[in-house]
């Protein structure tokens, strides 16, 4: 049954990595100031 625990651990680690990437994508632009586009 060790393989079941190993598979669960790998899936948990992968899902943790995916959640971190999604979180970084959402919060990566929070420090940037929103500047409206100019119409020339």
PDB file of N, CA and C in Angstrom:
ATOM      1  N   UNK A   1       0.813  -1.213   0.000  1.00  0.00           N
ATOM      2  CA  UNK A   1       0.000   0.000   0.000  1.00  0.00           C
ATOM      3  C   UNK A   1       0.852   1.272   0.000  1.00  0.00           C
ATOM      4  N   UNK A   2       2.172   1.117   0.034  1.00  0.00           N
ATOM      5  CA  UNK A   2       3.027   2.306   0.029  1.00  0.00           C
ATOM      6  C   UNK A   2       2.853   3.104  -1.254  1.00  0.00           C
ATOM      7  N   UNK A   3       2.556   2.441  -2.342  1.00  0.00           N
ATOM      8  CA  UNK A   3       2.418   3.128  -3.633  1.00  0.00           C
ATOM      9  C   UNK A   3       1.217   4.069  -3.616  1.00  0.00           C
ATOM     10  N   UNK A   4       0.163   3.700  -2.891  1.00  0.00           N
ATOM     11  CA  UNK A   4      -1.008   4.573  -2.788  1.00  0.00           C
ATOM     12  C   UNK A   4      -0.638   5.879  -2.083  1.00  0.00           C
ATOM     13  N   UNK A   5       0.125   5.773  -1.005  1.00  0.00           N
ATOM     14  CA  UNK A   5       0.584   6.962  -0.286  1.00  0.00           C
ATOM     15  C   UNK A   5       1.526   7.779  -1.152  1.00  0.00           C
ATOM     16  N   UNK A   6       2.385   7.098  -1.915  1.00  0.00           N
ATOM     17  CA  UNK A   6       3.334   7.790  -2.790  1.00  0.00           C
ATOM     18  C   UNK A   6       2.593   8.563  -3.880  1.00  0.00           C
ATOM     19  N   UNK A   7       1.595   7.942  -4.494  1.00  0.00           N
ATOM     20  CA  UNK A   7       0.803   8.610  -5.538  1.00  0.00           C
ATOM     21  C   UNK A   7       0.072   9.820  -4.954  1.00  0.00           C
ATOM     22  N   UNK A   8      -0.528   9.663  -3.775  1.00  0.00           N
ATOM     23  CA  UNK A   8      -1.215  10.790  -3.151  1.00  0.00           C
ATOM     24  C   UNK A   8      -0.254  11.935  -2.845  1.00  0.00           C
ATOM     25  N   UNK A   9       0.952  11.603  -2.399  1.00  0.00           N
ATOM     26  CA  UNK A   9       1.942  12.642  -2.112  1.00  0.00           C
ATOM     27  C   UNK A   9       2.371  13.378  -3.369  1.00  0.00           C
ATOM     28  N   UNK A  10       2.562  12.648  -4.449  1.00  0.00           N
ATOM     29  CA  UNK A  10       2.955  13.278  -5.715  1.00  0.00           C
ATOM     30  C   UNK A  10       1.830  14.171  -6.230  1.00  0.00           C
ATOM     31  N   UNK A  11       0.596  13.684  -6.168  1.00  0.00           N
ATOM     32  CA  UNK A  11      -0.531  14.498  -6.621  1.00  0.00           C
ATOM     33  C   UNK A  11      -0.703  15.745  -5.756  1.00  0.00           C
ATOM     34  N   UNK A  12      -0.494  15.609  -4.461  1.00  0.00           N
ATOM     35  CA  UNK A  12      -0.599  16.766  -3.579  1.00  0.00           C
ATOM     36  C   UNK A  12       0.487  17.788  -3.891  1.00  0.00           C
ATOM     37  N   UNK A  13       1.701  17.323  -4.133  1.00  0.00           N
ATOM     38  CA  UNK A  13       2.794  18.239  -4.462  1.00  0.00           C
ATOM     39  C   UNK A  13       2.537  18.949  -5.787  1.00  0.00           C
ATOM     40  N   UNK A  14       2.028  18.231  -6.778  1.00  0.00           N
ATOM     41  CA  UNK A  14       1.727  18.840  -8.077  1.00  0.00           C
ATOM     42  C   UNK A  14       0.603  19.861  -7.960  1.00  0.00           C
ATOM     43  N   UNK A  15      -0.438  19.527  -7.207  1.00  0.00           N
ATOM     44  CA  UNK A  15      -1.537  20.471  -7.059  1.00  0.00           C
ATOM     45  C   UNK A  15      -1.091  21.701  -6.274  1.00  0.00           C
ATOM     46  N   UNK A  16      -0.218  21.522  -5.306  1.00  0.00           N
ATOM     47  CA  UNK A  16       0.320  22.661  -4.561  1.00  0.00           C
ATOM     48  C   UNK A  16       1.108  23.578  -5.487  1.00  0.00           C
ATOM     49  N   UNK A  17       1.898  23.001  -6.383  1.00  0.00           N
ATOM     50  CA  UNK A  17       2.651  23.795  -7.352  1.00  0.00           C
ATOM     51  C   UNK A  17       1.741  24.539  -8.309  1.00  0.00           C
ATOM     52  N   UNK A  18       0.681  23.896  -8.764  1.00  0.00           N
ATOM     53  CA  UNK A  18      -0.252  24.540  -9.690  1.00  0.00           C
ATOM     54  C   UNK A  18      -0.976  25.690  -9.003  1.00  0.00           C
ATOM     55  N   UNK A  19      -1.383  25.493  -7.758  1.00  0.00           N
ATOM     56  CA  UNK A  19      -2.054  26.562  -7.013  1.00  0.00           C
ATOM     57  C   UNK A  19      -1.099  27.734  -6.806  1.00  0.00           C
ATOM     58  N   UNK A  20       0.170  27.459  -6.542  1.00  0.00           N
ATOM     59  CA  UNK A  20       1.139  28.531  -6.379  1.00  0.00           C
ATOM     60  C   UNK A  20       1.328  29.323  -7.659  1.00  0.00           C
ATOM     61  N   UNK A  21       1.378  28.649  -8.800  1.00  0.00           N
ATOM     62  CA  UNK A  21       1.534  29.343 -10.075  1.00  0.00           C
ATOM     63  C   UNK A  21       0.314  30.211 -10.354  1.00  0.00           C
ATOM     64  N   UNK A  22      -0.876  29.694 -10.107  1.00  0.00           N
ATOM     65  CA  UNK A  22      -2.083  30.487 -10.320  1.00  0.00           C
ATOM     66  C   UNK A  22      -2.119  31.695  -9.395  1.00  0.00           C
ATOM     67  N   UNK A  23      -1.708  31.505  -8.141  1.00  0.00           N
ATOM     68  CA  UNK A  23      -1.688  32.612  -7.192  1.00  0.00           C
ATOM     69  C   UNK A  23      -0.687  33.680  -7.624  1.00  0.00           C
ATOM     70  N   UNK A  24       0.498  33.258  -8.089  1.00  0.00           N
ATOM     71  CA  UNK A  24       1.494  34.221  -8.540  1.00  0.00           C
ATOM     72  C   UNK A  24       1.022  34.977  -9.772  1.00  0.00           C
ATOM     73  N   UNK A  25       0.305  34.309 -10.662  1.00  0.00           N
ATOM     74  CA  UNK A  25      -0.226  34.988 -11.839  1.00  0.00           C
ATOM     75  C   UNK A  25      -1.244  36.054 -11.444  1.00  0.00           C
ATOM     76  N   UNK A  26      -2.048  35.773 -10.434  1.00  0.00           N
ATOM     77  CA  UNK A  26      -3.070  36.727 -10.009  1.00  0.00           C
ATOM     78  C   UNK A  26      -2.461  37.910  -9.264  1.00  0.00           C
ATOM     79  N   UNK A  27      -1.471  37.671  -8.432  1.00  0.00           N
ATOM     80  CA  UNK A  27      -0.931  38.727  -7.583  1.00  0.00           C
ATOM     81  C   UNK A  27       0.315  39.369  -8.168  1.00  0.00           C
ATOM     82  N   UNK A  28       0.789  38.930  -9.309  1.00  0.00           N
ATOM     83  CA  UNK A  28       2.012  39.460  -9.883  1.00  0.00           C
ATOM     84  C   UNK A  28       1.889  40.889 -10.340  1.00  0.00           C
ATOM     85  N   UNK A  29       0.718  41.319 -10.751  1.00  0.00           N
ATOM     86  CA  UNK A  29       0.521  42.658 -11.280  1.00  0.00           C
ATOM     87  C   UNK A  29      -0.060  43.626 -10.253  1.00  0.00           C
ATOM     88  N   UNK A  30      -0.113  43.237  -8.996  1.00  0.00           N
ATOM     89  CA  UNK A  30      -0.741  44.101  -7.992  1.00  0.00           C
ATOM     90  C   UNK A  30       0.115  45.327  -7.690  1.00  0.00           C
ATOM     91  N   UNK A  31       1.435  45.240  -7.840  1.00  0.00           N
ATOM     92  CA  UNK A  31       2.306  46.366  -7.537  1.00  0.00           C
ATOM     93  C   UNK A  31       2.373  47.372  -8.675  1.00  0.00           C
ATOM     94  N   UNK A  32       1.971  46.961  -9.846  1.00  0.00           N
ATOM     95  CA  UNK A  32       2.050  47.849 -11.004  1.00  0.00           C
ATOM     96  C   UNK A  32       0.915  48.872 -10.949  1.00  0.00           C
ATOM     97  N   UNK A  33       1.272  50.112 -11.256  1.00  0.00           N
ATOM     98  CA  UNK A  33       0.264  51.172 -11.248  1.00  0.00           C
ATOM     99  C   UNK A  33      -0.531  51.135 -12.545  1.00  0.00           C
ATOM    100  N   UNK A  34      -1.828  51.234 -12.436  1.00  0.00           N
ATOM    101  CA  UNK A  34      -2.666  51.233 -13.639  1.00  0.00           C
ATOM    102  C   UNK A  34      -2.630  52.616 -14.285  1.00  0.00           C
ATOM    103  N   UNK A  35      -2.116  52.675 -15.492  1.00  0.00           N
ATOM    104  CA  UNK A  35      -2.034  53.919 -16.242  1.00  0.00           C
ATOM    105  C   UNK A  35      -2.985  53.795 -17.427  1.00  0.00           C
ATOM    106  N   UNK A  36      -3.937  54.714 -17.548  1.00  0.00           N
ATOM    107  CA  UNK A  36      -4.881  54.613 -18.671  1.00  0.00           C
ATOM    108  C   UNK A  36      -4.164  54.836 -19.995  1.00  0.00           C
ATOM    109  N   UNK A  37      -4.649  54.162 -21.036  1.00  0.00           N
ATOM    110  CA  UNK A  37      -4.066  54.290 -22.365  1.00  0.00           C
ATOM    111  C   UNK A  37      -4.408  55.657 -22.936  1.00  0.00           C
ATOM    112  N   UNK A  38      -3.435  56.240 -23.644  1.00  0.00           N
ATOM    113  CA  UNK A  38      -3.657  57.558 -24.256  1.00  0.00           C
ATOM    114  C   UNK A  38      -4.180  57.393 -25.669  1.00  0.00           C
ATOM    115  N   UNK A  39      -5.134  58.202 -26.024  1.00  0.00           N
ATOM    116  CA  UNK A  39      -5.649  58.222 -27.397  1.00  0.00           C
ATOM    117  C   UNK A  39      -5.131  59.483 -28.075  1.00  0.00           C
ATOM    118  N   UNK A  40      -4.163  59.311 -28.965  1.00  0.00           N
ATOM    119  CA  UNK A  40      -3.588  60.458 -29.675  1.00  0.00           C
ATOM    120  C   UNK A  40      -4.243  60.676 -30.999  1.00  0.00           C
TER     121      UNK A  40
END
